Structure formats: structure tokens, C-alpha cells
PDB file of all heavy atoms in Angstrom:
ATOM      1  N   LYS A   1     109.255  94.973 119.072  1.00  0.00           N
ATOM      2  CA  LYS A   1     108.816  95.773 120.221  1.00  0.00           C
ATOM      3  C   LYS A   1     107.298  95.777 120.297  1.00  0.00           C
ATOM      4  O   LYS A   1     106.615  95.708 119.285  1.00  0.00           O
ATOM      5  CB  LYS A   1     109.299  97.221 120.084  1.00  0.00           C
ATOM      6  CG  LYS A   1     110.790  97.371 120.133  1.00  0.00           C
ATOM      7  CD  LYS A   1     111.169  98.830 120.006  1.00  0.00           C
ATOM      8  CE  LYS A   1     112.682  98.983 120.016  1.00  0.00           C
ATOM      9  NZ  LYS A   1     113.068 100.377 119.881  1.00  0.00           N
ATOM     10  N   ALA A   2     106.805  95.873 121.494  1.00  0.00           N
ATOM     11  CA  ALA A   2     105.365  96.056 121.677  1.00  0.00           C
ATOM     12  C   ALA A   2     105.054  97.525 121.393  1.00  0.00           C
ATOM     13  O   ALA A   2     105.884  98.397 121.679  1.00  0.00           O
ATOM     14  CB  ALA A   2     104.958  95.695 123.101  1.00  0.00           C
ATOM     15  N   PRO A   3     103.883  97.807 120.822  1.00  0.00           N
ATOM     16  CA  PRO A   3     103.561  99.209 120.524  1.00  0.00           C
ATOM     17  C   PRO A   3     103.708 100.139 121.726  1.00  0.00           C
ATOM     18  O   PRO A   3     104.145 101.265 121.584  1.00  0.00           O
ATOM     19  CB  PRO A   3     102.117  99.148 120.034  1.00  0.00           C
ATOM     20  CG  PRO A   3     102.005  97.794 119.432  1.00  0.00           C
ATOM     21  CD  PRO A   3     102.849  96.910 120.314  1.00  0.00           C
ATOM     22  N   ALA A   4     103.386  99.675 122.913  1.00  0.00           N
ATOM     23  CA  ALA A   4     103.516 100.516 124.106  1.00  0.00           C
ATOM     24  C   ALA A   4     104.974 100.857 124.398  1.00  0.00           C
ATOM     25  O   ALA A   4     105.272 101.861 125.033  1.00  0.00           O
ATOM     26  CB  ALA A   4     102.895  99.831 125.314  1.00  0.00           C
ATOM     27  N   GLU A   5     105.913 100.017 123.932  1.00  0.00           N
ATOM     28  CA  GLU A   5     107.342 100.270 124.144  1.00  0.00           C
ATOM     29  C   GLU A   5     107.913 101.250 123.129  1.00  0.00           C
ATOM     30  O   GLU A   5     109.033 101.701 123.269  1.00  0.00           O
ATOM     31  CB  GLU A   5     108.134  98.971 124.023  1.00  0.00           C
ATOM     32  CG  GLU A   5     107.812  97.941 125.070  1.00  0.00           C
ATOM     33  CD  GLU A   5     108.495  96.612 124.773  1.00  0.00           C
ATOM     34  OE1 GLU A   5     109.162  96.476 123.729  1.00  0.00           O
ATOM     35  OE2 GLU A   5     108.338  95.717 125.593  1.00  0.00           O
ATOM     36  N   THR A   6     107.117 101.554 122.110  1.00  0.00           N
ATOM     37  CA  THR A   6     107.593 102.421 121.049  1.00  0.00           C
ATOM     38  C   THR A   6     107.845 103.811 121.606  1.00  0.00           C
ATOM     39  O   THR A   6     106.941 104.426 122.163  1.00  0.00           O
ATOM     40  CB  THR A   6     106.563 102.514 119.907  1.00  0.00           C
ATOM     41  OG1 THR A   6     106.304 101.204 119.442  1.00  0.00           O
ATOM     42  CG2 THR A   6     107.066 103.374 118.775  1.00  0.00           C
ATOM     43  N   PRO A   7     109.065 104.322 121.477  1.00  0.00           N
ATOM     44  CA  PRO A   7     109.323 105.668 122.000  1.00  0.00           C
ATOM     45  C   PRO A   7     108.608 106.726 121.176  1.00  0.00           C
ATOM     46  O   PRO A   7     108.407 106.561 119.982  1.00  0.00           O
ATOM     47  CB  PRO A   7     110.842 105.809 121.874  1.00  0.00           C
ATOM     48  CG  PRO A   7     111.233 104.842 120.808  1.00  0.00           C
ATOM     49  CD  PRO A   7     110.226 103.719 120.863  1.00  0.00           C
ATOM     50  N   ALA A   8     108.222 107.790 121.840  1.00  0.00           N
ATOM     51  CA  ALA A   8     107.593 108.916 121.133  1.00  0.00           C
ATOM     52  C   ALA A   8     108.609 109.523 120.182  1.00  0.00           C
ATOM     53  O   ALA A   8     109.787 109.639 120.514  1.00  0.00           O
ATOM     54  CB  ALA A   8     107.111 109.951 122.130  1.00  0.00           C
ATOM     55  N   PRO A   9     108.185 109.897 118.984  1.00  0.00           N
ATOM     56  CA  PRO A   9     109.121 110.504 118.037  1.00  0.00           C
ATOM     57  C   PRO A   9     109.555 111.884 118.510  1.00  0.00           C
ATOM     58  O   PRO A   9     108.895 112.510 119.340  1.00  0.00           O
ATOM     59  CB  PRO A   9     108.310 110.605 116.747  1.00  0.00           C
ATOM     60  CG  PRO A   9     106.891 110.579 117.177  1.00  0.00           C
ATOM     61  CD  PRO A   9     106.837 109.802 118.452  1.00  0.00           C
ATOM     62  N   ALA A  10     110.642 112.328 117.956  1.00  0.00           N
ATOM     63  CA  ALA A  10     111.104 113.676 118.254  1.00  0.00           C
ATOM     64  C   ALA A  10     110.066 114.672 117.760  1.00  0.00           C
ATOM     65  O   ALA A  10     109.215 114.344 116.932  1.00  0.00           O
ATOM     66  CB  ALA A  10     112.443 113.922 117.558  1.00  0.00           C
ATOM     67  N   ILE A  11     110.127 115.896 118.263  1.00  0.00           N
ATOM     68  CA  ILE A  11     109.171 116.928 117.855  1.00  0.00           C
ATOM     69  C   ILE A  11     109.198 117.105 116.352  1.00  0.00           C
ATOM     70  O   ILE A  11     108.173 117.243 115.716  1.00  0.00           O
ATOM     71  CB  ILE A  11     109.470 118.259 118.579  1.00  0.00           C
ATOM     72  CG1 ILE A  11     109.160 118.101 120.061  1.00  0.00           C
ATOM     73  CG2 ILE A  11     108.663 119.389 117.990  1.00  0.00           C
ATOM     74  CD1 ILE A  11     109.605 119.244 120.915  1.00  0.00           C
ATOM     75  N   GLU A  12     110.380 117.068 115.760  1.00  0.00           N
ATOM     76  CA  GLU A  12     110.487 117.181 114.311  1.00  0.00           C
ATOM     77  C   GLU A  12     110.903 115.833 113.754  1.00  0.00           C
ATOM     78  O   GLU A  12     112.033 115.403 113.898  1.00  0.00           O
ATOM     79  CB  GLU A  12     111.521 118.240 113.933  1.00  0.00           C
ATOM     80  CG  GLU A  12     111.617 118.463 112.450  1.00  0.00           C
ATOM     81  CD  GLU A  12     112.610 119.548 112.076  1.00  0.00           C
ATOM     82  OE1 GLU A  12     113.150 120.190 112.965  1.00  0.00           O
ATOM     83  OE2 GLU A  12     112.850 119.714 110.884  1.00  0.00           O
ATOM     84  N   LEU A  13     109.971 115.140 113.146  1.00  0.00           N
ATOM     85  CA  LEU A  13     110.229 113.823 112.588  1.00  0.00           C
ATOM     86  C   LEU A  13     110.886 113.993 111.227  1.00  0.00           C
ATOM     87  O   LEU A  13     110.417 114.757 110.398  1.00  0.00           O
ATOM     88  CB  LEU A  13     108.914 113.057 112.453  1.00  0.00           C
ATOM     89  CG  LEU A  13     109.007 111.620 111.992  1.00  0.00           C
ATOM     90  CD1 LEU A  13     109.819 110.787 112.978  1.00  0.00           C
ATOM     91  CD2 LEU A  13     107.621 111.042 111.852  1.00  0.00           C
ATOM     92  N   LEU A  14     111.956 113.256 111.019  1.00  0.00           N
ATOM     93  CA  LEU A  14     112.718 113.365 109.776  1.00  0.00           C
ATOM     94  C   LEU A  14     112.280 112.306 108.782  1.00  0.00           C
ATOM     95  O   LEU A  14     111.753 111.274 109.158  1.00  0.00           O
ATOM     96  CB  LEU A  14     114.202 113.215 110.078  1.00  0.00           C
ATOM     97  CG  LEU A  14     114.778 114.259 111.034  1.00  0.00           C
ATOM     98  CD1 LEU A  14     116.223 113.923 111.364  1.00  0.00           C
ATOM     99  CD2 LEU A  14     114.654 115.651 110.459  1.00  0.00           C
ATOM    100  N   PRO A  15     112.533 112.553 107.494  1.00  0.00           N
ATOM    101  CA  PRO A  15     112.254 111.518 106.493  1.00  0.00           C
ATOM    102  C   PRO A  15     113.091 110.271 106.785  1.00  0.00           C
ATOM    103  O   PRO A  15     114.104 110.337 107.477  1.00  0.00           O
ATOM    104  CB  PRO A  15     112.692 112.168 105.180  1.00  0.00           C
ATOM    105  CG  PRO A  15     112.699 113.627 105.452  1.00  0.00           C
ATOM    106  CD  PRO A  15     113.046 113.774 106.902  1.00  0.00           C
ATOM    107  N   PRO A  16     112.680 109.138 106.243  1.00  0.00           N
ATOM    108  CA  PRO A  16     113.436 107.907 106.483  1.00  0.00           C
ATOM    109  C   PRO A  16     114.791 107.954 105.782  1.00  0.00           C
ATOM    110  O   PRO A  16     114.996 108.748 104.862  1.00  0.00           O
ATOM    111  CB  PRO A  16     112.541 106.832 105.862  1.00  0.00           C
ATOM    112  CG  PRO A  16     111.755 107.549 104.827  1.00  0.00           C
ATOM    113  CD  PRO A  16     111.546 108.936 105.353  1.00  0.00           C
ATOM    114  N   PRO A  17     115.722 107.106 106.216  1.00  0.00           N
ATOM    115  CA  PRO A  17     117.034 107.061 105.554  1.00  0.00           C
ATOM    116  C   PRO A  17     116.890 106.771 104.059  1.00  0.00           C
ATOM    117  O   PRO A  17     115.999 106.033 103.639  1.00  0.00           O
ATOM    118  CB  PRO A  17     117.754 105.909 106.271  1.00  0.00           C
ATOM    119  CG  PRO A  17     117.060 105.779 107.585  1.00  0.00           C
ATOM    120  CD  PRO A  17     115.633 106.176 107.336  1.00  0.00           C
ATOM    121  N   SER A  18     117.782 107.322 103.269  1.00  0.00           N
ATOM    122  CA  SER A  18     117.681 107.204 101.810  1.00  0.00           C
ATOM    123  C   SER A  18     117.932 105.795 101.299  1.00  0.00           C
ATOM    124  O   SER A  18     117.566 105.477 100.171  1.00  0.00           O
ATOM    125  CB  SER A  18     118.646 108.176 101.129  1.00  0.00           C
ATOM    126  OG  SER A  18     119.974 107.868 101.489  1.00  0.00           O
ATOM    127  N   ASP A  19     118.521 104.933 102.111  1.00  0.00           N
ATOM    128  CA  ASP A  19     118.793 103.573 101.655  1.00  0.00           C
ATOM    129  C   ASP A  19     117.699 102.581 102.055  1.00  0.00           C
ATOM    130  O   ASP A  19     117.898 101.376 101.997  1.00  0.00           O
ATOM    131  CB  ASP A  19     120.151 103.098 102.172  1.00  0.00           C
ATOM    132  CG  ASP A  19     120.230 103.051 103.689  1.00  0.00           C
ATOM    133  OD1 ASP A  19     119.348 103.649 104.365  1.00  0.00           O
ATOM    134  OD2 ASP A  19     121.166 102.421 104.216  1.00  0.00           O
ATOM    135  N   THR A  20     116.517 103.102 102.440  1.00  0.00           N
ATOM    136  CA  THR A  20     115.418 102.213 102.803  1.00  0.00           C
ATOM    137  C   THR A  20     114.304 102.307 101.768  1.00  0.00           C
ATOM    138  O   THR A  20     114.207 103.281 101.022  1.00  0.00           O
ATOM    139  CB  THR A  20     114.823 102.579 104.178  1.00  0.00           C
ATOM    140  OG1 THR A  20     114.148 103.834 104.077  1.00  0.00           O
ATOM    141  CG2 THR A  20     115.895 102.624 105.253  1.00  0.00           C
ATOM    142  N   ALA A  21     113.451 101.296 101.756  1.00  0.00           N
ATOM    143  CA  ALA A  21     112.314 101.283 100.833  1.00  0.00           C
ATOM    144  C   ALA A  21     111.310 102.386 101.157  1.00  0.00           C
ATOM    145  O   ALA A  21     110.460 102.700 100.335  1.00  0.00           O
ATOM    146  CB  ALA A  21     111.617  99.924 100.901  1.00  0.00           C
ATOM    147  N   PHE A  22     111.428 102.997 102.327  1.00  0.00           N
ATOM    148  CA  PHE A  22     110.509 104.058 102.724  1.00  0.00           C
ATOM    149  C   PHE A  22     110.915 105.424 102.174  1.00  0.00           C
ATOM    150  O   PHE A  22     110.147 106.365 102.238  1.00  0.00           O
ATOM    151  CB  PHE A  22     110.391 104.126 104.251  1.00  0.00           C
ATOM    152  CG  PHE A  22     109.608 102.989 104.814  1.00  0.00           C
ATOM    153  CD1 PHE A  22     110.221 101.785 105.125  1.00  0.00           C
ATOM    154  CD2 PHE A  22     108.249 103.103 105.006  1.00  0.00           C
ATOM    155  CE1 PHE A  22     109.500 100.727 105.633  1.00  0.00           C
ATOM    156  CE2 PHE A  22     107.511 102.051 105.507  1.00  0.00           C
ATOM    157  CZ  PHE A  22     108.142 100.860 105.820  1.00  0.00           C
ATOM    158  N   HIS A  23     112.124 105.536 101.658  1.00  0.00           N
ATOM    159  CA  HIS A  23     112.556 106.811 101.079  1.00  0.00           C
ATOM    160  C   HIS A  23     111.941 106.940  99.697  1.00  0.00           C
ATOM    161  O   HIS A  23     111.970 106.015  98.896  1.00  0.00           O
ATOM    162  CB  HIS A  23     114.079 106.874 100.993  1.00  0.00           C
ATOM    163  CG  HIS A  23     114.581 108.254 100.735  1.00  0.00           C
ATOM    164  ND1 HIS A  23     114.686 108.769  99.471  1.00  0.00           N
ATOM    165  CD2 HIS A  23     114.966 109.233 101.584  1.00  0.00           C
ATOM    166  CE1 HIS A  23     115.140 110.006  99.548  1.00  0.00           C
ATOM    167  NE2 HIS A  23     115.305 110.319 100.811  1.00  0.00           N
ATOM    168  N   HIS A  24     111.362 108.090  99.411  1.00  0.00           N
ATOM    169  CA  HIS A  24     110.625 108.257  98.156  1.00  0.00           C
ATOM    170  C   HIS A  24     111.500 108.141  96.909  1.00  0.00           C
ATOM    171  O   HIS A  24     110.973 107.915  95.830  1.00  0.00           O
ATOM    172  CB  HIS A  24     109.845 109.562  98.172  1.00  0.00           C
ATOM    173  CG  HIS A  24     108.664 109.489  99.095  1.00  0.00           C
ATOM    174  ND1 HIS A  24     107.902 110.560  99.400  1.00  0.00           N
ATOM    175  CD2 HIS A  24     108.127 108.450  99.786  1.00  0.00           C
ATOM    176  CE1 HIS A  24     106.944 110.206 100.233  1.00  0.00           C
ATOM    177  NE2 HIS A  24     107.062 108.930 100.481  1.00  0.00           N
ATOM    178  N   SER A  25     112.801 108.233  97.047  1.00  0.00           N
ATOM    179  CA  SER A  25     113.659 108.023  95.879  1.00  0.00           C
ATOM    180  C   SER A  25     113.684 106.550  95.476  1.00  0.00           C
ATOM    181  O   SER A  25     114.123 106.216  94.381  1.00  0.00           O
ATOM    182  CB  SER A  25     115.086 108.504  96.171  1.00  0.00           C
ATOM    183  OG  SER A  25     115.690 107.690  97.171  1.00  0.00           O
ATOM    184  N   GLN A  26     113.197 105.678  96.345  1.00  0.00           N
ATOM    185  CA  GLN A  26     113.204 104.240  96.080  1.00  0.00           C
ATOM    186  C   GLN A  26     111.872 103.735  95.515  1.00  0.00           C
ATOM    187  O   GLN A  26     111.702 102.542  95.318  1.00  0.00           O
ATOM    188  CB  GLN A  26     113.508 103.480  97.380  1.00  0.00           C
ATOM    189  CG  GLN A  26     114.791 103.883  98.060  1.00  0.00           C
ATOM    190  CD  GLN A  26     116.025 103.573  97.236  1.00  0.00           C
ATOM    191  OE1 GLN A  26     116.097 102.545  96.568  1.00  0.00           O
ATOM    192  NE2 GLN A  26     116.994 104.450  97.257  1.00  0.00           N
ATOM    193  N   THR A  27     110.919 104.629  95.252  1.00  0.00           N
ATOM    194  CA  THR A  27     109.603 104.189  94.800  1.00  0.00           C
ATOM    195  C   THR A  27     109.599 103.906  93.304  1.00  0.00           C
ATOM    196  O   THR A  27     110.348 104.521  92.547  1.00  0.00           O
ATOM    197  CB  THR A  27     108.523 105.241  95.111  1.00  0.00           C
ATOM    198  OG1 THR A  27     108.807 106.429  94.390  1.00  0.00           O
ATOM    199  CG2 THR A  27     108.439 105.527  96.587  1.00  0.00           C
ATOM    200  N   PRO A  28     108.724 102.969  92.868  1.00  0.00           N
ATOM    201  CA  PRO A  28     108.657 102.652  91.445  1.00  0.00           C
ATOM    202  C   PRO A  28     108.062 103.791  90.604  1.00  0.00           C
ATOM    203  O   PRO A  28     108.322 103.868  89.421  1.00  0.00           O
ATOM    204  CB  PRO A  28     107.764 101.412  91.376  1.00  0.00           C
ATOM    205  CG  PRO A  28     107.237 101.168  92.731  1.00  0.00           C
ATOM    206  CD  PRO A  28     107.898 102.089  93.680  1.00  0.00           C
ATOM    207  N   GLN A  29     107.268 104.657  91.206  1.00  0.00           N
ATOM    208  CA  GLN A  29     106.725 105.803  90.483  1.00  0.00           C
ATOM    209  C   GLN A  29     107.426 107.073  90.972  1.00  0.00           C
ATOM    210  O   GLN A  29     108.225 107.015  91.897  1.00  0.00           O
ATOM    211  CB  GLN A  29     105.197 105.886  90.630  1.00  0.00           C
ATOM    212  CG  GLN A  29     104.646 106.075  92.023  1.00  0.00           C
ATOM    213  CD  GLN A  29     104.404 104.800  92.781  1.00  0.00           C
ATOM    214  OE1 GLN A  29     105.346 104.112  93.081  1.00  0.00           O
ATOM    215  NE2 GLN A  29     103.171 104.493  93.118  1.00  0.00           N
ATOM    216  N   SER A  30     107.134 108.186  90.347  1.00  0.00           N
ATOM    217  CA  SER A  30     107.791 109.422  90.756  1.00  0.00           C
ATOM    218  C   SER A  30     107.348 109.818  92.154  1.00  0.00           C
ATOM    219  O   SER A  30     106.273 109.445  92.618  1.00  0.00           O
ATOM    220  CB  SER A  30     107.474 110.551  89.768  1.00  0.00           C
ATOM    221  OG  SER A  30     106.178 111.071  90.013  1.00  0.00           O
ATOM    222  N   GLU A  31     108.199 110.571  92.817  1.00  0.00           N
ATOM    223  CA  GLU A  31     107.898 111.036  94.170  1.00  0.00           C
ATOM    224  C   GLU A  31     106.596 111.830  94.195  1.00  0.00           C
ATOM    225  O   GLU A  31     105.765 111.651  95.082  1.00  0.00           O
ATOM    226  CB  GLU A  31     109.051 111.892  94.694  1.00  0.00           C
ATOM    227  CG  GLU A  31     108.882 112.315  96.131  1.00  0.00           C
ATOM    228  CD  GLU A  31     110.094 113.041  96.678  1.00  0.00           C
ATOM    229  OE1 GLU A  31     111.154 113.023  96.039  1.00  0.00           O
ATOM    230  OE2 GLU A  31     109.963 113.640  97.752  1.00  0.00           O
ATOM    231  N   ASN A  32     106.392 112.702  93.199  1.00  0.00           N
ATOM    232  CA  ASN A  32     105.165 113.493  93.151  1.00  0.00           C
ATOM    233  C   ASN A  32     103.937 112.622  92.951  1.00  0.00           C
ATOM    234  O   ASN A  32     102.887 112.882  93.527  1.00  0.00           O
ATOM    235  CB  ASN A  32     105.242 114.558  92.053  1.00  0.00           C
ATOM    236  CG  ASN A  32     106.154 115.693  92.439  1.00  0.00           C
ATOM    237  OD1 ASN A  32     106.464 115.897  93.609  1.00  0.00           O
ATOM    238  ND2 ASN A  32     106.602 116.434  91.444  1.00  0.00           N
ATOM    239  N   GLU A  33     104.060 111.580  92.134  1.00  0.00           N
ATOM    240  CA  GLU A  33     102.933 110.669  91.904  1.00  0.00           C
ATOM    241  C   GLU A  33     102.492 110.023  93.201  1.00  0.00           C
ATOM    242  O   GLU A  33     101.302 109.997  93.523  1.00  0.00           O
ATOM    243  CB  GLU A  33     103.347 109.546  90.945  1.00  0.00           C
ATOM    244  CG  GLU A  33     102.891 109.679  89.530  1.00  0.00           C
ATOM    245  CD  GLU A  33     103.290 108.430  88.760  1.00  0.00           C
ATOM    246  OE1 GLU A  33     104.485 108.281  88.444  1.00  0.00           O
ATOM    247  OE2 GLU A  33     102.397 107.605  88.487  1.00  0.00           O
ATOM    248  N   PHE A  34     103.447 109.486  93.942  1.00  0.00           N
ATOM    249  CA  PHE A  34     103.069 108.811  95.175  1.00  0.00           C
ATOM    250  C   PHE A  34     102.642 109.807  96.244  1.00  0.00           C
ATOM    251  O   PHE A  34     101.758 109.501  97.052  1.00  0.00           O
ATOM    252  CB  PHE A  34     104.168 107.880  95.691  1.00  0.00           C
ATOM    253  CG  PHE A  34     103.661 106.986  96.787  1.00  0.00           C
ATOM    254  CD1 PHE A  34     102.687 106.033  96.524  1.00  0.00           C
ATOM    255  CD2 PHE A  34     104.103 107.128  98.088  1.00  0.00           C
ATOM    256  CE1 PHE A  34     102.173 105.227  97.531  1.00  0.00           C
ATOM    257  CE2 PHE A  34     103.600 106.331  99.101  1.00  0.00           C
ATOM    258  CZ  PHE A  34     102.631 105.373  98.824  1.00  0.00           C
ATOM    259  N   ALA A  35     103.222 110.992  96.250  1.00  0.00           N
ATOM    260  CA  ALA A  35     102.766 112.026  97.192  1.00  0.00           C
ATOM    261  C   ALA A  35     101.295 112.334  96.954  1.00  0.00           C
ATOM    262  O   ALA A  35     100.511 112.477  97.906  1.00  0.00           O
ATOM    263  CB  ALA A  35     103.614 113.289  97.058  1.00  0.00           C
ATOM    264  N   MET A  36     100.882 112.406  95.685  1.00  0.00           N
ATOM    265  CA  MET A  36      99.474 112.656  95.380  1.00  0.00           C
ATOM    266  C   MET A  36      98.610 111.468  95.788  1.00  0.00           C
ATOM    267  O   MET A  36      97.470 111.648  96.219  1.00  0.00           O
ATOM    268  CB  MET A  36      99.284 112.991  93.904  1.00  0.00           C
ATOM    269  CG  MET A  36      99.895 114.330  93.502  1.00  0.00           C
ATOM    270  SD  MET A  36      99.444 115.717  94.587  1.00  0.00           S
ATOM    271  CE  MET A  36      97.680 115.768  94.361  1.00  0.00           C
ATOM    272  N   THR A  37      99.155 110.253  95.697  1.00  0.00           N
ATOM    273  CA  THR A  37      98.423 109.082  96.181  1.00  0.00           C
ATOM    274  C   THR A  37      98.169 109.218  97.674  1.00  0.00           C
ATOM    275  O   THR A  37      97.069 108.930  98.154  1.00  0.00           O
ATOM    276  CB  THR A  37      99.194 107.781  95.884  1.00  0.00           C
ATOM    277  OG1 THR A  37      99.303 107.636  94.460  1.00  0.00           O
ATOM    278  CG2 THR A  37      98.513 106.565  96.474  1.00  0.00           C
ATOM    279  N   LEU A  38      99.175 109.688  98.416  1.00  0.00           N
ATOM    280  CA  LEU A  38      99.003 109.872  99.861  1.00  0.00           C
ATOM    281  C   LEU A  38      97.955 110.942 100.156  1.00  0.00           C
ATOM    282  O   LEU A  38      97.144 110.779 101.071  1.00  0.00           O
ATOM    283  CB  LEU A  38     100.343 110.220 100.518  1.00  0.00           C
ATOM    284  CG  LEU A  38     101.396 109.122 100.479  1.00  0.00           C
ATOM    285  CD1 LEU A  38     102.688 109.607 101.134  1.00  0.00           C
ATOM    286  CD2 LEU A  38     100.904 107.838 101.125  1.00  0.00           C
TER     287      LEU A  38
END
């Protein structure tokens, strides 16, 4: 998709699905470690 075609997110954006690399349970370090990196 072109960025302009990207729909606006819902007012309350949810965490990514748990079966994706974007879910913090899938990270090589602890969730708290990477949260502090962010």
C-alpha cells in the first residue's frame, strides 16, 4: 500500500498479534529490557 492509502488507526490502538515478531513475547530479550530500550 502507498502510505497515503494507509487507514487511520482506531482511537485505541491494540498491541500486535501474539504470533508476530512485533509481539514483545517474541523478543530475544525480556519485555522490560526492550521497553527500556524504547
